Amino acid sequence: MQDGYLTTPNYGANSRAGLQNGTVGVTLDAWWSGNGIINGIAASEGQTEEYLIEHADDYLYFIDSLLGDANYGIPGKGQAKMDYSIVYFYAIPKYMESTAIAVLKWMNEKMDPVNFKKLTIGEENVHHTLVDGKYFPILTPDAQEKIPFDAFNKADYFLTGIREDDYSLYWQCRARKNPRQQFVWEGMNTEAQKTSVGIYDAVGLAPGFTIYGANKSMLSQLTTDYLTSVITGQGTQQTHVEFIAKLVSDAKLTESTAEVNAWYETLSD
């Protein structure tokens, strides 16, 4: 940190340029930013993008999770939350209740494996290819000078997690639209990482919480501020005891925890 390799804010666009030119060592960013990051590092190093990917261990390393300690998480174990929630839903206004049957039919048809695949990545050997169990987009222009897979640029609206195993396979097809994105996606999303540090967020499928729901944003913000200050040494410094006390006083930690735990105890194994 003293040398400037760890900055605050140390994520996304705030530190991306520094990561590319070697003045920032650690950042938090999304997989789709890999395209620009790798291009930038290659330009700074005077290398080709292909060389950078081929010798990736010399330039980039993905940290799947920090290890927990006595104050946070499980001591000595890394944990990364995996979303397990309802993100999309269908809303039918009461004055349009006659269309409810059509909507339900649509939902059922989308669950069909063949339909789900066509909606999200199209037809095999027309829009994508299958090589060794992996889906790749067809990016070679056709007779009309159109790129076949471009027809599915907005298909992520249909690529919801209702078919979990298929979702991950088909999303990889989208990530493989260029080698930089493919490299970052595959480096950040491995089965080994999922097994070793992945934890499903059970609260994602919970009904609405009155207390926790009203304080979730504040709990998250205070936690982010605290962890940033601990890691970087910048910002307001607190002991862990002071941090917990602030969560209790400012974000109803005690009441929120009791509410969530009461719901969790109603779940069956």
C-alpha atoms as a PDB file:
ATOM      1  CA  MET A   1       0.000   0.000   0.000  1.00  0.00           C
ATOM      2  CA  GLN A   2       2.839   2.389   0.860  1.00  0.00           C
ATOM      3  CA  ASP A   3       4.160   1.984  -2.689  1.00  0.00           C
ATOM      4  CA  GLY A   4       0.748   2.811  -4.148  1.00  0.00           C
ATOM      5  CA  TYR A   5      -0.071  -0.655  -5.476  1.00  0.00           C
ATOM      6  CA  LEU A   6      -3.216  -0.867  -3.364  1.00  0.00           C
ATOM      7  CA  THR A   7      -5.471   2.135  -3.726  1.00  0.00           C
ATOM      8  CA  THR A   8      -8.811   3.364  -2.435  1.00  0.00           C
ATOM      9  CA  PRO A   9     -11.259   3.030  -4.069  1.00  0.00           C
ATOM     10  CA  ASN A  10      -9.531  -0.088  -5.347  1.00  0.00           C
ATOM     11  CA  TYR A  11     -12.101  -1.460  -7.744  1.00  0.00           C
ATOM     12  CA  GLY A  12     -13.421  -1.121 -11.265  1.00  0.00           C
ATOM     13  CA  ALA A  13     -12.862   2.024 -13.283  1.00  0.00           C
ATOM     14  CA  ASN A  14     -11.116   3.769 -10.370  1.00  0.00           C
ATOM     15  CA  SER A  15      -8.072   1.512 -10.572  1.00  0.00           C
ATOM     16  CA  ARG A  16      -8.326  -0.144 -13.995  1.00  0.00           C
ATOM     17  CA  ALA A  17      -5.871   2.214 -15.684  1.00  0.00           C
ATOM     18  CA  GLY A  18      -3.326   1.666 -12.920  1.00  0.00           C
ATOM     19  CA  LEU A  19      -3.626  -2.089 -13.229  1.00  0.00           C
ATOM     20  CA  GLN A  20      -2.929  -1.779 -16.936  1.00  0.00           C
ATOM     21  CA  ASN A  21       0.214   0.341 -16.575  1.00  0.00           C
ATOM     22  CA  GLY A  22       1.650  -1.367 -13.512  1.00  0.00           C
ATOM     23  CA  THR A  23       0.966   1.295 -10.872  1.00  0.00           C
ATOM     24  CA  VAL A  24      -1.838  -0.683  -9.188  1.00  0.00           C
ATOM     25  CA  GLY A  25      -1.380  -4.272  -8.086  1.00  0.00           C
ATOM     26  CA  VAL A  26      -4.845  -5.361  -6.896  1.00  0.00           C
ATOM     27  CA  THR A  27      -8.337  -4.505  -8.085  1.00  0.00           C
ATOM     28  CA  LEU A  28     -11.897  -5.758  -7.908  1.00  0.00           C
ATOM     29  CA  ASP A  29     -13.569  -5.878 -11.302  1.00  0.00           C
ATOM     30  CA  ALA A  30     -16.029  -7.776 -13.474  1.00  0.00           C
ATOM     31  CA  TRP A  31     -15.085 -10.468 -15.980  1.00  0.00           C
ATOM     32  CA  TRP A  32     -16.244  -8.378 -18.938  1.00  0.00           C
ATOM     33  CA  SER A  33     -13.612  -5.764 -18.085  1.00  0.00           C
ATOM     34  CA  GLY A  34     -10.936  -8.307 -18.972  1.00  0.00           C
ATOM     35  CA  ASN A  35     -10.973  -7.201 -22.587  1.00  0.00           C
ATOM     36  CA  GLY A  36      -9.807  -3.666 -21.821  1.00  0.00           C
ATOM     37  CA  ILE A  37      -7.486  -4.696 -18.987  1.00  0.00           C
ATOM     38  CA  ILE A  38      -5.585  -7.224 -21.098  1.00  0.00           C
ATOM     39  CA  ASN A  39      -5.406  -4.819 -24.035  1.00  0.00           C
ATOM     40  CA  GLY A  40      -3.982  -2.173 -21.710  1.00  0.00           C
ATOM     41  CA  ILE A  41      -1.394  -4.444 -20.088  1.00  0.00           C
ATOM     42  CA  ALA A  42      -0.289  -5.717 -23.504  1.00  0.00           C
ATOM     43  CA  ALA A  43       0.167  -2.151 -24.757  1.00  0.00           C
ATOM     44  CA  SER A  44       2.087  -1.128 -21.622  1.00  0.00           C
ATOM     45  CA  GLU A  45       4.371  -4.151 -21.862  1.00  0.00           C
ATOM     46  CA  GLY A  46       4.866  -3.930 -25.619  1.00  0.00           C
ATOM     47  CA  GLN A  47       3.419  -7.416 -26.054  1.00  0.00           C
ATOM     48  CA  THR A  48       0.600  -8.859 -28.118  1.00  0.00           C
ATOM     49  CA  GLU A  49      -2.652  -9.853 -26.444  1.00  0.00           C
ATOM     50  CA  GLU A  50      -2.024 -13.440 -27.527  1.00  0.00           C
ATOM     51  CA  TYR A  51       1.385 -13.448 -25.811  1.00  0.00           C
ATOM     52  CA  LEU A  52      -0.123 -12.017 -22.645  1.00  0.00           C
ATOM     53  CA  ILE A  53      -2.777 -14.732 -22.468  1.00  0.00           C
ATOM     54  CA  GLU A  54      -0.253 -17.466 -23.266  1.00  0.00           C
ATOM     55  CA  HIS A  55       2.015 -16.237 -20.438  1.00  0.00           C
ATOM     56  CA  ALA A  56      -0.817 -15.137 -18.176  1.00  0.00           C
ATOM     57  CA  ASP A  57       0.810 -16.325 -14.954  1.00  0.00           C
ATOM     58  CA  ASP A  58       3.474 -13.650 -15.440  1.00  0.00           C
ATOM     59  CA  TYR A  59       0.891 -10.864 -15.592  1.00  0.00           C
ATOM     60  CA  LEU A  60      -2.430 -11.739 -13.965  1.00  0.00           C
ATOM     61  CA  TYR A  61      -3.579 -13.779 -10.996  1.00  0.00           C
ATOM     62  CA  PHE A  62      -7.158 -14.271  -9.850  1.00  0.00           C
ATOM     63  CA  ILE A  63      -7.864 -14.288  -6.113  1.00  0.00           C
ATOM     64  CA  ASP A  64     -11.113 -16.168  -5.596  1.00  0.00           C
ATOM     65  CA  SER A  65     -11.465 -15.269  -1.917  1.00  0.00           C
ATOM     66  CA  LEU A  66      -9.572 -13.889   1.041  1.00  0.00           C
ATOM     67  CA  LEU A  67      -9.275 -16.243   4.018  1.00  0.00           C
ATOM     68  CA  GLY A  68     -11.513 -15.730   7.010  1.00  0.00           C
ATOM     69  CA  ASP A  69     -10.224 -15.033  10.496  1.00  0.00           C
ATOM     70  CA  ALA A  70     -11.585 -14.960  14.028  1.00  0.00           C
ATOM     71  CA  ASN A  71     -13.629 -11.853  13.212  1.00  0.00           C
ATOM     72  CA  TYR A  72     -14.947 -12.527   9.734  1.00  0.00           C
ATOM     73  CA  GLY A  73     -16.097 -15.742   8.063  1.00  0.00           C
ATOM     74  CA  ILE A  74     -14.538 -19.091   8.922  1.00  0.00           C
ATOM     75  CA  PRO A  75     -10.910 -18.896  10.122  1.00  0.00           C
ATOM     76  CA  GLY A  76      -8.527 -20.144   7.456  1.00  0.00           C
ATOM     77  CA  LYS A  77     -11.245 -20.729   4.844  1.00  0.00           C
ATOM     78  CA  GLY A  78     -12.146 -18.634   1.834  1.00  0.00           C
ATOM     79  CA  GLN A  79     -15.797 -18.004   1.001  1.00  0.00           C
ATOM     80  CA  ALA A  80     -17.437 -16.428  -2.039  1.00  0.00           C
ATOM     81  CA  LYS A  81     -21.162 -15.848  -2.223  1.00  0.00           C
ATOM     82  CA  MET A  82     -22.973 -17.395  -5.171  1.00  0.00           C
ATOM     83  CA  ASP A  83     -26.238 -15.695  -6.037  1.00  0.00           C
ATOM     84  CA  TYR A  84     -29.266 -17.850  -5.430  1.00  0.00           C
ATOM     85  CA  SER A  85     -32.166 -15.543  -5.909  1.00  0.00           C
ATOM     86  CA  ILE A  86     -35.050 -14.497  -8.099  1.00  0.00           C
ATOM     87  CA  VAL A  87     -33.844 -11.732 -10.399  1.00  0.00           C
ATOM     88  CA  TYR A  88     -36.528 -11.777 -13.095  1.00  0.00           C
ATOM     89  CA  PHE A  89     -40.256 -12.169 -12.571  1.00  0.00           C
ATOM     90  CA  TYR A  90     -43.388 -11.824 -14.641  1.00  0.00           C
ATOM     91  CA  ALA A  91     -45.906  -9.164 -13.606  1.00  0.00           C
ATOM     92  CA  ILE A  92     -49.450  -9.351 -14.925  1.00  0.00           C
ATOM     93  CA  PRO A  93     -51.587  -6.272 -14.185  1.00  0.00           C
ATOM     94  CA  LYS A  94     -55.038  -7.161 -12.887  1.00  0.00           C
ATOM     95  CA  TYR A  95     -56.689  -5.469 -15.843  1.00  0.00           C
ATOM     96  CA  MET A  96     -54.785  -7.893 -18.119  1.00  0.00           C
ATOM     97  CA  GLU A  97     -55.550 -11.070 -16.183  1.00  0.00           C
ATOM     98  CA  SER A  98     -56.878 -12.655 -19.369  1.00  0.00           C
ATOM     99  CA  THR A  99     -53.281 -12.894 -20.570  1.00  0.00           C
ATOM    100  CA  ALA A 100     -52.197 -14.903 -17.512  1.00  0.00           C
ATOM    101  CA  ILE A 101     -52.670 -18.199 -19.330  1.00  0.00           C
ATOM    102  CA  ALA A 102     -50.434 -17.071 -22.193  1.00  0.00           C
ATOM    103  CA  VAL A 103     -47.733 -15.961 -19.747  1.00  0.00           C
ATOM    104  CA  LEU A 104     -47.822 -19.278 -17.899  1.00  0.00           C
ATOM    105  CA  LYS A 105     -47.559 -21.133 -21.204  1.00  0.00           C
ATOM    106  CA  TRP A 106     -44.546 -18.986 -22.121  1.00  0.00           C
ATOM    107  CA  MET A 107     -42.862 -19.788 -18.810  1.00  0.00           C
ATOM    108  CA  ASN A 108     -43.433 -23.501 -19.278  1.00  0.00           C
ATOM    109  CA  GLU A 109     -42.177 -23.443 -22.869  1.00  0.00           C
ATOM    110  CA  LYS A 110     -39.037 -21.592 -21.804  1.00  0.00           C
ATOM    111  CA  MET A 111     -38.266 -24.398 -19.348  1.00  0.00           C
ATOM    112  CA  ASP A 112     -38.087 -26.865 -22.228  1.00  0.00           C
ATOM    113  CA  PRO A 113     -34.382 -27.675 -22.842  1.00  0.00           C
ATOM    114  CA  VAL A 114     -34.595 -27.259 -26.624  1.00  0.00           C
ATOM    115  CA  ASN A 115     -36.444 -23.951 -26.440  1.00  0.00           C
ATOM    116  CA  PHE A 116     -34.158 -22.597 -23.729  1.00  0.00           C
ATOM    117  CA  LYS A 117     -31.111 -23.339 -25.856  1.00  0.00           C
ATOM    118  CA  LYS A 118     -32.566 -21.758 -28.995  1.00  0.00           C
ATOM    119  CA  LEU A 119     -33.568 -18.623 -27.111  1.00  0.00           C
ATOM    120  CA  THR A 120     -30.136 -18.079 -25.621  1.00  0.00           C
ATOM    121  CA  ILE A 121     -27.485 -19.288 -28.097  1.00  0.00           C
ATOM    122  CA  GLY A 122     -29.465 -20.325 -31.176  1.00  0.00           C
ATOM    123  CA  GLU A 123     -28.962 -23.418 -33.299  1.00  0.00           C
ATOM    124  CA  GLU A 124     -25.866 -25.587 -33.415  1.00  0.00           C
ATOM    125  CA  ASN A 125     -23.691 -25.056 -36.517  1.00  0.00           C
ATOM    126  CA  VAL A 126     -25.818 -22.032 -37.405  1.00  0.00           C
ATOM    127  CA  HIS A 127     -25.158 -19.685 -34.494  1.00  0.00           C
ATOM    128  CA  HIS A 128     -22.737 -21.713 -32.384  1.00  0.00           C
ATOM    129  CA  THR A 129     -20.580 -24.840 -32.448  1.00  0.00           C
ATOM    130  CA  LEU A 130     -19.982 -27.545 -29.859  1.00  0.00           C
ATOM    131  CA  VAL A 131     -16.360 -28.622 -29.370  1.00  0.00           C
ATOM    132  CA  ASP A 132     -15.392 -31.112 -26.647  1.00  0.00           C
ATOM    133  CA  GLY A 133     -18.496 -30.266 -24.669  1.00  0.00           C
ATOM    134  CA  LYS A 134     -17.906 -26.511 -24.899  1.00  0.00           C
ATOM    135  CA  TYR A 135     -20.065 -24.033 -26.808  1.00  0.00           C
ATOM    136  CA  PHE A 136     -18.388 -21.466 -29.049  1.00  0.00           C
ATOM    137  CA  PRO A 137     -20.123 -18.599 -30.909  1.00  0.00           C
ATOM    138  CA  ILE A 138     -19.891 -18.509 -34.700  1.00  0.00           C
ATOM    139  CA  LEU A 139     -18.303 -15.140 -35.458  1.00  0.00           C
ATOM    140  CA  THR A 140     -17.474 -15.631 -39.154  1.00  0.00           C
ATOM    141  CA  PRO A 141     -19.715 -13.461 -41.378  1.00  0.00           C
ATOM    142  CA  ASP A 142     -22.276 -15.397 -43.410  1.00  0.00           C
ATOM    143  CA  ALA A 143     -23.268 -14.860 -47.045  1.00  0.00           C
ATOM    144  CA  GLN A 144     -25.156 -11.712 -46.042  1.00  0.00           C
ATOM    145  CA  GLU A 145     -22.019 -10.393 -44.253  1.00  0.00           C
ATOM    146  CA  LYS A 146     -23.750 -10.792 -40.901  1.00  0.00           C
ATOM    147  CA  ILE A 147     -22.156 -12.461 -37.885  1.00  0.00           C
ATOM    148  CA  PRO A 148     -24.518 -15.306 -36.906  1.00  0.00           C
ATOM    149  CA  PHE A 149     -24.080 -15.042 -33.146  1.00  0.00           C
ATOM    150  CA  ASP A 150     -24.762 -11.294 -33.163  1.00  0.00           C
ATOM    151  CA  ALA A 151     -28.445 -12.186 -33.346  1.00  0.00           C
ATOM    152  CA  PHE A 152     -28.094 -13.212 -29.695  1.00  0.00           C
ATOM    153  CA  ASN A 153     -26.337 -10.115 -28.385  1.00  0.00           C
ATOM    154  CA  LYS A 154     -29.420  -9.358 -26.288  1.00  0.00           C
ATOM    155  CA  ALA A 155     -30.296 -12.972 -25.554  1.00  0.00           C
ATOM    156  CA  ASP A 156     -29.026 -12.650 -21.993  1.00  0.00           C
ATOM    157  CA  TYR A 157     -32.507 -11.321 -21.228  1.00  0.00           C
ATOM    158  CA  PHE A 158     -33.674 -14.897 -21.758  1.00  0.00           C
ATOM    159  CA  LEU A 159     -30.599 -16.510 -20.191  1.00  0.00           C
ATOM    160  CA  THR A 160     -31.937 -16.661 -16.657  1.00  0.00           C
ATOM    161  CA  GLY A 161     -30.916 -19.307 -14.160  1.00  0.00           C
ATOM    162  CA  ILE A 162     -34.030 -21.453 -14.382  1.00  0.00           C
ATOM    163  CA  ARG A 163     -31.903 -24.237 -15.874  1.00  0.00           C
ATOM    164  CA  GLU A 164     -28.786 -23.847 -13.724  1.00  0.00           C
ATOM    165  CA  ASP A 165     -26.439 -26.326 -15.415  1.00  0.00           C
ATOM    166  CA  ASP A 166     -27.391 -25.188 -18.921  1.00  0.00           C
ATOM    167  CA  TYR A 167     -27.099 -21.547 -17.878  1.00  0.00           C
ATOM    168  CA  SER A 168     -23.414 -21.849 -17.026  1.00  0.00           C
ATOM    169  CA  LEU A 169     -22.619 -23.674 -20.278  1.00  0.00           C
ATOM    170  CA  TYR A 170     -24.501 -21.244 -22.488  1.00  0.00           C
ATOM    171  CA  TRP A 171     -23.090 -18.177 -20.759  1.00  0.00           C
ATOM    172  CA  GLN A 172     -19.601 -19.421 -21.550  1.00  0.00           C
ATOM    173  CA  CYS A 173     -20.571 -19.260 -25.217  1.00  0.00           C
ATOM    174  CA  ARG A 174     -21.202 -15.536 -24.771  1.00  0.00           C
ATOM    175  CA  ALA A 175     -17.917 -15.081 -22.886  1.00  0.00           C
ATOM    176  CA  ARG A 176     -16.018 -16.671 -25.764  1.00  0.00           C
ATOM    177  CA  LYS A 177     -16.874 -13.866 -28.172  1.00  0.00           C
ATOM    178  CA  ASN A 178     -13.279 -12.698 -27.815  1.00  0.00           C
ATOM    179  CA  PRO A 179     -10.216 -14.442 -26.326  1.00  0.00           C
ATOM    180  CA  ARG A 180      -9.599 -11.802 -23.629  1.00  0.00           C
ATOM    181  CA  GLN A 181     -13.061 -12.141 -22.150  1.00  0.00           C
ATOM    182  CA  GLN A 182     -12.874 -15.916 -22.474  1.00  0.00           C
ATOM    183  CA  PHE A 183      -9.562 -16.015 -20.622  1.00  0.00           C
ATOM    184  CA  VAL A 184     -10.829 -13.899 -17.720  1.00  0.00           C
ATOM    185  CA  TRP A 185     -14.186 -15.690 -17.463  1.00  0.00           C
ATOM    186  CA  GLU A 186     -12.608 -19.119 -17.402  1.00  0.00           C
ATOM    187  CA  GLY A 187     -10.000 -17.969 -14.894  1.00  0.00           C
ATOM    188  CA  MET A 188     -12.607 -16.526 -12.545  1.00  0.00           C
ATOM    189  CA  ASN A 189     -15.234 -19.271 -12.833  1.00  0.00           C
ATOM    190  CA  THR A 190     -13.811 -22.740 -12.325  1.00  0.00           C
ATOM    191  CA  GLU A 191     -15.459 -25.797 -10.822  1.00  0.00           C
ATOM    192  CA  ALA A 192     -12.578 -26.027  -8.351  1.00  0.00           C
ATOM    193  CA  GLN A 193     -13.305 -22.508  -7.112  1.00  0.00           C
ATOM    194  CA  LYS A 194     -17.017 -23.222  -6.881  1.00  0.00           C
ATOM    195  CA  THR A 195     -16.337 -26.323  -4.801  1.00  0.00           C
ATOM    196  CA  SER A 196     -13.680 -24.832  -2.551  1.00  0.00           C
ATOM    197  CA  VAL A 197     -15.054 -21.369  -1.766  1.00  0.00           C
ATOM    198  CA  GLY A 198     -18.552 -21.123  -3.263  1.00  0.00           C
ATOM    199  CA  ILE A 199     -21.504 -20.709  -0.907  1.00  0.00           C
ATOM    200  CA  TYR A 200     -25.097 -20.307  -2.054  1.00  0.00           C
ATOM    201  CA  ASP A 201     -26.845 -17.345  -0.487  1.00  0.00           C
ATOM    202  CA  ALA A 202     -29.897 -19.037   1.011  1.00  0.00           C
ATOM    203  CA  VAL A 203     -31.393 -15.664   1.910  1.00  0.00           C
ATOM    204  CA  GLY A 204     -31.764 -14.966  -1.795  1.00  0.00           C
ATOM    205  CA  LEU A 205     -34.922 -17.073  -1.949  1.00  0.00           C
ATOM    206  CA  ALA A 206     -36.356 -15.865   1.347  1.00  0.00           C
ATOM    207  CA  PRO A 207     -39.608 -13.909   1.540  1.00  0.00           C
ATOM    208  CA  GLY A 208     -39.368 -10.205   2.178  1.00  0.00           C
ATOM    209  CA  PHE A 209     -37.868  -9.233   5.531  1.00  0.00           C
ATOM    210  CA  THR A 210     -39.257  -6.213   7.337  1.00  0.00           C
ATOM    211  CA  ILE A 211     -36.245  -5.309   9.482  1.00  0.00           C
ATOM    212  CA  TYR A 212     -33.397  -6.817   7.471  1.00  0.00           C
ATOM    213  CA  GLY A 213     -34.897  -5.550   4.217  1.00  0.00           C
ATOM    214  CA  ALA A 214     -34.978  -1.981   5.502  1.00  0.00           C
ATOM    215  CA  ASN A 215     -31.395  -2.138   6.794  1.00  0.00           C
ATOM    216  CA  LYS A 216     -29.674  -4.343   4.201  1.00  0.00           C
ATOM    217  CA  SER A 217     -28.130  -1.447   2.278  1.00  0.00           C
ATOM    218  CA  MET A 218     -26.724   0.168   5.413  1.00  0.00           C
ATOM    219  CA  LEU A 219     -25.329  -3.148   6.678  1.00  0.00           C
ATOM    220  CA  SER A 220     -23.634  -3.700   3.330  1.00  0.00           C
ATOM    221  CA  GLN A 221     -22.197  -0.177   3.115  1.00  0.00           C
ATOM    222  CA  LEU A 222     -20.825  -0.202   6.661  1.00  0.00           C
ATOM    223  CA  THR A 223     -19.251  -3.611   6.061  1.00  0.00           C
ATOM    224  CA  THR A 224     -17.655  -2.445   2.812  1.00  0.00           C
ATOM    225  CA  ASP A 225     -16.265   0.672   4.488  1.00  0.00           C
ATOM    226  CA  TYR A 226     -14.839  -1.371   7.354  1.00  0.00           C
ATOM    227  CA  LEU A 227     -13.194  -4.013   5.192  1.00  0.00           C
ATOM    228  CA  THR A 228     -11.720  -1.362   2.895  1.00  0.00           C
ATOM    229  CA  SER A 229     -10.223   0.455   5.876  1.00  0.00           C
ATOM    230  CA  VAL A 230      -8.780  -2.771   7.293  1.00  0.00           C
ATOM    231  CA  ILE A 231      -7.223  -3.870   4.006  1.00  0.00           C
ATOM    232  CA  THR A 232      -5.875  -0.496   2.890  1.00  0.00           C
ATOM    233  CA  GLY A 233      -5.261   1.257   6.190  1.00  0.00           C
ATOM    234  CA  GLN A 234      -7.162   4.265   4.850  1.00  0.00           C
ATOM    235  CA  GLY A 235     -10.454   5.799   5.910  1.00  0.00           C
ATOM    236  CA  THR A 236     -11.990   5.680   9.382  1.00  0.00           C
ATOM    237  CA  GLN A 237     -10.152   3.114  11.489  1.00  0.00           C
ATOM    238  CA  GLN A 238     -12.166   0.942  13.873  1.00  0.00           C
ATOM    239  CA  THR A 239     -11.578  -2.117  15.960  1.00  0.00           C
ATOM    240  CA  HIS A 240     -13.765  -5.106  15.178  1.00  0.00           C
ATOM    241  CA  VAL A 241     -15.690  -4.509  18.403  1.00  0.00           C
ATOM    242  CA  GLU A 242     -16.366  -0.907  17.372  1.00  0.00           C
ATOM    243  CA  PHE A 243     -17.437  -2.069  13.916  1.00  0.00           C
ATOM    244  CA  ILE A 244     -19.992  -4.518  15.338  1.00  0.00           C
ATOM    245  CA  ALA A 245     -21.267  -1.860  17.728  1.00  0.00           C
ATOM    246  CA  LYS A 246     -21.836   0.506  14.791  1.00  0.00           C
ATOM    247  CA  LEU A 247     -23.768  -2.180  12.911  1.00  0.00           C
ATOM    248  CA  VAL A 248     -25.920  -2.688  15.994  1.00  0.00           C
ATOM    249  CA  SER A 249     -26.593   1.018  16.525  1.00  0.00           C
ATOM    250  CA  ASP A 250     -26.861   2.247  12.930  1.00  0.00           C
ATOM    251  CA  ALA A 251     -28.213  -0.747  10.996  1.00  0.00           C
ATOM    252  CA  LYS A 252     -30.128  -2.863  13.536  1.00  0.00           C
ATOM    253  CA  LEU A 253     -27.759  -5.813  13.284  1.00  0.00           C
ATOM    254  CA  THR A 254     -29.242  -7.610  16.310  1.00  0.00           C
ATOM    255  CA  GLU A 255     -32.844  -7.331  15.133  1.00  0.00           C
ATOM    256  CA  SER A 256     -31.935  -8.185  11.521  1.00  0.00           C
ATOM    257  CA  THR A 257     -29.974 -11.262  12.586  1.00  0.00           C
ATOM    258  CA  ALA A 258     -32.845 -12.480  14.767  1.00  0.00           C
ATOM    259  CA  GLU A 259     -35.341 -12.001  11.926  1.00  0.00           C
ATOM    260  CA  VAL A 260     -33.230 -13.885   9.370  1.00  0.00           C
ATOM    261  CA  ASN A 261     -32.360 -16.691  11.793  1.00  0.00           C
ATOM    262  CA  ALA A 262     -36.024 -17.177  12.707  1.00  0.00           C
ATOM    263  CA  TRP A 263     -36.849 -17.657   9.029  1.00  0.00           C
ATOM    264  CA  TYR A 264     -33.855 -19.934   8.442  1.00  0.00           C
ATOM    265  CA  GLU A 265     -34.932 -22.246  11.272  1.00  0.00           C
ATOM    266  CA  THR A 266     -38.191 -22.919   9.406  1.00  0.00           C
ATOM    267  CA  LEU A 267     -36.339 -24.479   6.458  1.00  0.00           C
ATOM    268  CA  SER A 268     -36.109 -28.236   6.089  1.00  0.00           C
ATOM    269  CA  ASP A 269     -32.768 -29.895   5.323  1.00  0.00           C
END
